[in-house]
Amino acid sequence: MKSPAPLAKGDSGRSSRGAYGTNLFGSSADFSKFIVSIALGLGLGTAPLYLAECAPPSLRGALVNTCTVMVTLGTLFAGVANYGVSTMPPLSQTGLRILIGVQLAPPALMFATLYLIPER
């Protein structure tokens, strides 16, 4: 019986590869997408539930549906923005700046109107 080849220096013989020779996540970007997907799923399940619990009975359906429509429109706008940026010349930092600027607009608007919310 032939003995196995000696291990290279620093090689423990263990592999991070799965049964079929691939990593569970192909790259760190795939792992990040996995984490974002879980967080997004939890948020999309929790926000309408919270709205339904807090809203008066006459407004529950409208608020939950509005929340769902806004998330869907946000996803659509993100896809359109990503497509628009992908058509820009490579090595251009303009696309990144546009995406970051667009992401800063809704929180800035929310912060600016925060003081208009009445206290109970």
N, C-alpha and C. Protein backbone atom coordinates (compact mmCIF):
# COMPACT_ATOMS: atom_id res chain seq x y z
N MET A 1 0.83 -1.17 0.00
CA MET A 1 0.00 0.00 0.00
C MET A 1 0.88 1.24 0.00
N LYS A 2 0.51 2.17 -0.85
CA LYS A 2 1.31 3.38 -1.01
C LYS A 2 0.95 4.38 0.08
N SER A 3 1.95 5.01 0.71
CA SER A 3 1.69 6.00 1.76
C SER A 3 1.34 7.34 1.12
N PRO A 4 0.52 8.15 1.82
CA PRO A 4 0.14 9.45 1.26
C PRO A 4 1.34 10.37 1.15
N ALA A 5 1.24 11.32 0.24
CA ALA A 5 2.32 12.28 0.03
C ALA A 5 2.48 13.14 1.28
N PRO A 6 3.71 13.52 1.61
CA PRO A 6 3.90 14.38 2.79
C PRO A 6 3.23 15.74 2.57
N LEU A 7 2.78 16.32 3.67
CA LEU A 7 2.13 17.62 3.62
C LEU A 7 3.15 18.71 3.41
N ALA A 8 2.74 19.72 2.69
CA ALA A 8 3.62 20.88 2.51
C ALA A 8 3.74 21.64 3.82
N LYS A 9 4.78 22.42 3.93
CA LYS A 9 5.01 23.18 5.16
C LYS A 9 3.82 24.11 5.41
N GLY A 10 3.21 24.07 6.61
CA GLY A 10 2.10 24.91 6.97
C GLY A 10 0.75 24.35 6.56
N ASP A 11 0.73 23.19 5.91
CA ASP A 11 -0.53 22.60 5.46
C ASP A 11 -0.98 21.58 6.50
N SER A 12 -2.14 21.79 7.07
CA SER A 12 -2.64 20.88 8.10
C SER A 12 -3.36 19.69 7.50
N GLY A 13 -3.56 19.69 6.19
CA GLY A 13 -4.27 18.59 5.57
C GLY A 13 -5.77 18.80 5.55
N ARG A 14 -6.24 19.81 6.25
CA ARG A 14 -7.66 20.08 6.27
C ARG A 14 -8.00 21.02 5.12
N SER A 15 -9.20 20.87 4.61
CA SER A 15 -9.64 21.71 3.51
C SER A 15 -10.94 22.40 3.89
N SER A 16 -11.09 23.63 3.45
CA SER A 16 -12.33 24.35 3.69
C SER A 16 -13.35 24.05 2.61
N ARG A 17 -13.01 23.15 1.74
CA ARG A 17 -13.90 22.83 0.63
C ARG A 17 -14.93 21.80 1.06
N GLY A 18 -16.08 21.89 0.43
CA GLY A 18 -17.17 20.98 0.74
C GLY A 18 -16.98 19.63 0.05
N ALA A 19 -18.02 18.84 0.02
CA ALA A 19 -17.96 17.49 -0.51
C ALA A 19 -17.66 17.46 -2.01
N TYR A 20 -18.06 18.49 -2.73
CA TYR A 20 -17.89 18.50 -4.18
C TYR A 20 -16.77 19.41 -4.64
N GLY A 21 -15.90 19.80 -3.73
CA GLY A 21 -14.73 20.57 -4.09
C GLY A 21 -14.97 22.07 -4.18
N THR A 22 -16.06 22.55 -3.63
CA THR A 22 -16.31 23.99 -3.63
C THR A 22 -16.52 24.45 -2.21
N ASN A 23 -16.27 25.71 -1.97
CA ASN A 23 -16.54 26.28 -0.66
C ASN A 23 -18.04 26.41 -0.47
N LEU A 24 -18.46 26.45 0.79
CA LEU A 24 -19.88 26.65 1.06
C LEU A 24 -20.32 27.98 0.45
N PHE A 25 -19.51 29.00 0.61
CA PHE A 25 -19.72 30.29 -0.04
C PHE A 25 -18.54 30.50 -0.95
N GLY A 26 -18.79 30.75 -2.22
CA GLY A 26 -17.71 30.86 -3.20
C GLY A 26 -16.72 31.96 -2.88
N SER A 27 -17.20 33.04 -2.27
CA SER A 27 -16.31 34.15 -1.94
C SER A 27 -16.90 34.90 -0.75
N SER A 28 -16.16 35.89 -0.30
CA SER A 28 -16.68 36.69 0.81
C SER A 28 -17.88 37.51 0.35
N ALA A 29 -17.96 37.83 -0.95
CA ALA A 29 -19.12 38.56 -1.46
C ALA A 29 -20.37 37.69 -1.37
N ASP A 30 -20.22 36.40 -1.65
CA ASP A 30 -21.36 35.48 -1.54
C ASP A 30 -21.82 35.37 -0.09
N PHE A 31 -20.88 35.33 0.84
CA PHE A 31 -21.24 35.26 2.25
C PHE A 31 -21.96 36.54 2.67
N SER A 32 -21.47 37.68 2.19
CA SER A 32 -22.12 38.95 2.52
C SER A 32 -23.53 39.00 1.97
N LYS A 33 -23.73 38.52 0.74
CA LYS A 33 -25.08 38.48 0.17
C LYS A 33 -25.99 37.58 0.99
N PHE A 34 -25.45 36.48 1.50
CA PHE A 34 -26.23 35.57 2.33
C PHE A 34 -26.68 36.27 3.62
N ILE A 35 -25.78 36.97 4.28
CA ILE A 35 -26.11 37.68 5.52
C ILE A 35 -27.13 38.78 5.25
N VAL A 36 -26.95 39.53 4.17
CA VAL A 36 -27.89 40.60 3.83
C VAL A 36 -29.26 40.01 3.52
N SER A 37 -29.30 38.89 2.85
CA SER A 37 -30.58 38.25 2.53
C SER A 37 -31.33 37.83 3.79
N ILE A 38 -30.61 37.30 4.76
CA ILE A 38 -31.26 36.90 6.01
C ILE A 38 -31.78 38.14 6.75
N ALA A 39 -30.96 39.17 6.82
CA ALA A 39 -31.39 40.40 7.51
C ALA A 39 -32.58 41.04 6.80
N LEU A 40 -32.55 41.05 5.49
CA LEU A 40 -33.66 41.62 4.73
C LEU A 40 -34.93 40.81 4.94
N GLY A 41 -34.80 39.51 4.94
CA GLY A 41 -35.97 38.66 5.19
C GLY A 41 -36.57 38.88 6.57
N LEU A 42 -35.71 39.01 7.57
CA LEU A 42 -36.21 39.27 8.91
C LEU A 42 -36.88 40.64 9.00
N GLY A 43 -36.27 41.62 8.35
CA GLY A 43 -36.86 42.96 8.36
C GLY A 43 -38.19 43.01 7.62
N LEU A 44 -38.27 42.32 6.50
CA LEU A 44 -39.51 42.32 5.73
C LEU A 44 -40.62 41.56 6.43
N GLY A 45 -40.25 40.68 7.31
CA GLY A 45 -41.28 39.97 8.09
C GLY A 45 -41.68 40.71 9.35
N THR A 46 -40.75 41.46 9.90
CA THR A 46 -40.99 42.13 11.18
C THR A 46 -41.69 43.48 11.02
N ALA A 47 -41.29 44.28 10.05
CA ALA A 47 -41.85 45.63 9.90
C ALA A 47 -43.36 45.62 9.67
N PRO A 48 -43.91 44.82 8.75
CA PRO A 48 -45.36 44.81 8.59
C PRO A 48 -46.10 44.29 9.83
N LEU A 49 -45.48 43.35 10.51
CA LEU A 49 -46.09 42.82 11.73
C LEU A 49 -46.16 43.91 12.80
N TYR A 50 -45.09 44.67 12.95
CA TYR A 50 -45.06 45.77 13.91
C TYR A 50 -46.09 46.83 13.54
N LEU A 51 -46.17 47.16 12.26
CA LEU A 51 -47.16 48.14 11.81
C LEU A 51 -48.58 47.66 12.10
N ALA A 52 -48.83 46.39 11.86
CA ALA A 52 -50.17 45.86 12.09
C ALA A 52 -50.53 45.88 13.58
N GLU A 53 -49.56 45.67 14.43
CA GLU A 53 -49.82 45.68 15.87
C GLU A 53 -50.07 47.09 16.39
N CYS A 54 -49.37 48.08 15.84
CA CYS A 54 -49.46 49.45 16.34
C CYS A 54 -50.57 50.29 15.70
N ALA A 55 -50.99 49.91 14.51
CA ALA A 55 -51.94 50.74 13.77
C ALA A 55 -53.36 50.53 14.28
N PRO A 56 -54.19 51.57 14.17
CA PRO A 56 -55.60 51.38 14.50
C PRO A 56 -56.24 50.43 13.48
N PRO A 57 -57.27 49.70 13.90
CA PRO A 57 -57.87 48.68 13.01
C PRO A 57 -58.29 49.22 11.65
N SER A 58 -58.73 50.46 11.58
CA SER A 58 -59.19 50.99 10.30
C SER A 58 -58.05 51.26 9.31
N LEU A 59 -56.82 51.34 9.79
CA LEU A 59 -55.69 51.65 8.91
C LEU A 59 -54.71 50.50 8.73
N ARG A 60 -54.95 49.37 9.38
CA ARG A 60 -53.97 48.28 9.35
C ARG A 60 -53.62 47.82 7.94
N GLY A 61 -54.62 47.50 7.17
CA GLY A 61 -54.35 46.98 5.83
C GLY A 61 -53.62 47.97 4.96
N ALA A 62 -54.04 49.23 5.03
CA ALA A 62 -53.40 50.26 4.21
C ALA A 62 -51.94 50.45 4.59
N LEU A 63 -51.64 50.47 5.87
CA LEU A 63 -50.26 50.68 6.30
C LEU A 63 -49.36 49.50 5.95
N VAL A 64 -49.86 48.29 6.14
CA VAL A 64 -49.05 47.10 5.83
C VAL A 64 -48.81 47.02 4.32
N ASN A 65 -49.84 47.28 3.52
CA ASN A 65 -49.66 47.25 2.07
C ASN A 65 -48.74 48.37 1.60
N THR A 66 -48.85 49.53 2.20
CA THR A 66 -47.97 50.64 1.84
C THR A 66 -46.51 50.30 2.14
N CYS A 67 -46.28 49.67 3.27
CA CYS A 67 -44.92 49.25 3.63
C CYS A 67 -44.37 48.27 2.59
N THR A 68 -45.18 47.31 2.20
CA THR A 68 -44.74 46.32 1.22
C THR A 68 -44.48 46.96 -0.14
N VAL A 69 -45.35 47.87 -0.55
CA VAL A 69 -45.17 48.54 -1.84
C VAL A 69 -43.91 49.41 -1.81
N MET A 70 -43.65 50.08 -0.71
CA MET A 70 -42.46 50.93 -0.62
C MET A 70 -41.18 50.10 -0.69
N VAL A 71 -41.16 48.95 -0.05
CA VAL A 71 -39.98 48.08 -0.12
C VAL A 71 -39.79 47.59 -1.55
N THR A 72 -40.87 47.23 -2.21
CA THR A 72 -40.79 46.76 -3.59
C THR A 72 -40.30 47.87 -4.51
N LEU A 73 -40.82 49.09 -4.35
CA LEU A 73 -40.35 50.21 -5.16
C LEU A 73 -38.89 50.54 -4.87
N GLY A 74 -38.48 50.43 -3.62
CA GLY A 74 -37.08 50.66 -3.28
C GLY A 74 -36.16 49.66 -3.95
N THR A 75 -36.60 48.41 -4.01
CA THR A 75 -35.82 47.38 -4.71
C THR A 75 -35.74 47.68 -6.19
N LEU A 76 -36.85 48.11 -6.79
CA LEU A 76 -36.86 48.48 -8.20
C LEU A 76 -35.92 49.65 -8.47
N PHE A 77 -35.99 50.70 -7.65
CA PHE A 77 -35.13 51.85 -7.84
C PHE A 77 -33.65 51.48 -7.66
N ALA A 78 -33.37 50.58 -6.73
CA ALA A 78 -31.98 50.14 -6.54
C ALA A 78 -31.48 49.40 -7.78
N GLY A 79 -32.31 48.56 -8.35
CA GLY A 79 -31.92 47.86 -9.57
C GLY A 79 -31.68 48.82 -10.73
N VAL A 80 -32.54 49.82 -10.88
CA VAL A 80 -32.37 50.81 -11.94
C VAL A 80 -31.09 51.62 -11.71
N ALA A 81 -30.84 52.01 -10.47
CA ALA A 81 -29.63 52.77 -10.16
C ALA A 81 -28.38 51.93 -10.42
N ASN A 82 -28.41 50.67 -10.03
CA ASN A 82 -27.26 49.79 -10.28
C ASN A 82 -27.01 49.62 -11.77
N TYR A 83 -28.09 49.48 -12.54
CA TYR A 83 -27.92 49.37 -13.99
C TYR A 83 -27.32 50.65 -14.56
N GLY A 84 -27.83 51.79 -14.10
CA GLY A 84 -27.30 53.06 -14.60
C GLY A 84 -25.83 53.24 -14.28
N VAL A 85 -25.43 52.84 -13.10
CA VAL A 85 -24.03 52.97 -12.70
C VAL A 85 -23.17 51.96 -13.46
N SER A 86 -23.72 50.79 -13.76
CA SER A 86 -22.94 49.78 -14.47
C SER A 86 -22.63 50.19 -15.91
N THR A 87 -23.40 51.12 -16.45
CA THR A 87 -23.13 51.58 -17.82
C THR A 87 -22.09 52.70 -17.86
N MET A 88 -21.66 53.19 -16.70
CA MET A 88 -20.63 54.23 -16.65
C MET A 88 -19.28 53.61 -16.97
N PRO A 89 -18.33 54.45 -17.39
CA PRO A 89 -17.01 53.89 -17.70
C PRO A 89 -16.36 53.26 -16.47
N PRO A 90 -15.63 52.18 -16.68
CA PRO A 90 -14.94 51.57 -15.54
C PRO A 90 -13.90 52.53 -14.97
N LEU A 91 -13.50 52.29 -13.77
CA LEU A 91 -12.53 53.11 -13.04
C LEU A 91 -13.05 54.51 -12.75
N SER A 92 -14.35 54.70 -12.87
CA SER A 92 -14.94 55.99 -12.57
C SER A 92 -15.50 55.95 -11.16
N GLN A 93 -15.12 56.90 -10.34
CA GLN A 93 -15.62 56.97 -8.98
C GLN A 93 -16.97 57.67 -8.92
N THR A 94 -17.40 58.22 -10.04
CA THR A 94 -18.66 58.96 -10.07
C THR A 94 -19.84 58.05 -9.72
N GLY A 95 -19.84 56.84 -10.26
CA GLY A 95 -20.94 55.91 -10.00
C GLY A 95 -21.10 55.60 -8.53
N LEU A 96 -20.00 55.37 -7.86
CA LEU A 96 -20.04 55.09 -6.42
C LEU A 96 -20.56 56.30 -5.65
N ARG A 97 -20.12 57.47 -6.03
CA ARG A 97 -20.58 58.68 -5.35
C ARG A 97 -22.08 58.90 -5.56
N ILE A 98 -22.56 58.60 -6.75
CA ILE A 98 -23.99 58.74 -7.02
C ILE A 98 -24.79 57.78 -6.15
N LEU A 99 -24.35 56.52 -6.08
CA LEU A 99 -25.08 55.54 -5.27
C LEU A 99 -25.09 55.91 -3.80
N ILE A 100 -23.98 56.39 -3.28
CA ILE A 100 -23.93 56.79 -1.87
C ILE A 100 -24.79 58.03 -1.64
N GLY A 101 -24.76 58.97 -2.56
CA GLY A 101 -25.59 60.16 -2.42
C GLY A 101 -27.07 59.85 -2.44
N VAL A 102 -27.47 58.94 -3.31
CA VAL A 102 -28.88 58.55 -3.39
C VAL A 102 -29.30 57.85 -2.09
N GLN A 103 -28.42 57.08 -1.51
CA GLN A 103 -28.75 56.38 -0.26
C GLN A 103 -28.84 57.35 0.92
N LEU A 104 -28.19 58.47 0.85
CA LEU A 104 -28.22 59.42 1.95
C LEU A 104 -29.47 60.31 1.93
N ALA A 105 -30.14 60.41 0.80
CA ALA A 105 -31.30 61.29 0.69
C ALA A 105 -32.47 60.88 1.59
N PRO A 106 -32.95 59.63 1.58
CA PRO A 106 -34.09 59.29 2.43
C PRO A 106 -33.82 59.45 3.93
N PRO A 107 -32.67 59.01 4.47
CA PRO A 107 -32.45 59.25 5.89
C PRO A 107 -32.36 60.73 6.24
N ALA A 108 -31.80 61.54 5.35
CA ALA A 108 -31.72 62.97 5.61
C ALA A 108 -33.12 63.58 5.65
N LEU A 109 -33.99 63.14 4.75
CA LEU A 109 -35.38 63.63 4.74
C LEU A 109 -36.10 63.19 6.01
N MET A 110 -35.89 61.95 6.42
CA MET A 110 -36.53 61.45 7.65
C MET A 110 -36.03 62.23 8.87
N PHE A 111 -34.74 62.49 8.92
CA PHE A 111 -34.19 63.23 10.05
C PHE A 111 -34.72 64.67 10.08
N ALA A 112 -34.85 65.27 8.90
CA ALA A 112 -35.33 66.65 8.83
C ALA A 112 -36.78 66.76 9.28
N THR A 113 -37.58 65.74 9.03
CA THR A 113 -39.01 65.79 9.40
C THR A 113 -39.28 65.11 10.74
N LEU A 114 -38.26 64.68 11.42
CA LEU A 114 -38.43 63.99 12.70
C LEU A 114 -39.12 64.87 13.73
N TYR A 115 -38.85 66.14 13.70
CA TYR A 115 -39.40 67.05 14.71
C TYR A 115 -40.86 67.41 14.43
N LEU A 116 -41.39 66.98 13.30
CA LEU A 116 -42.80 67.23 12.98
C LEU A 116 -43.74 66.16 13.57
N ILE A 117 -43.15 65.09 14.08
CA ILE A 117 -43.95 64.01 14.65
C ILE A 117 -44.50 64.47 16.00
N PRO A 118 -45.82 64.40 16.19
CA PRO A 118 -46.37 64.86 17.47
C PRO A 118 -46.07 63.87 18.59
N GLU A 119 -45.91 64.40 19.78
CA GLU A 119 -45.72 63.55 20.96
C GLU A 119 -47.07 63.18 21.52
N ARG A 120 -47.14 62.05 22.19
CA ARG A 120 -48.41 61.61 22.78
C ARG A 120 -48.46 61.97 24.22
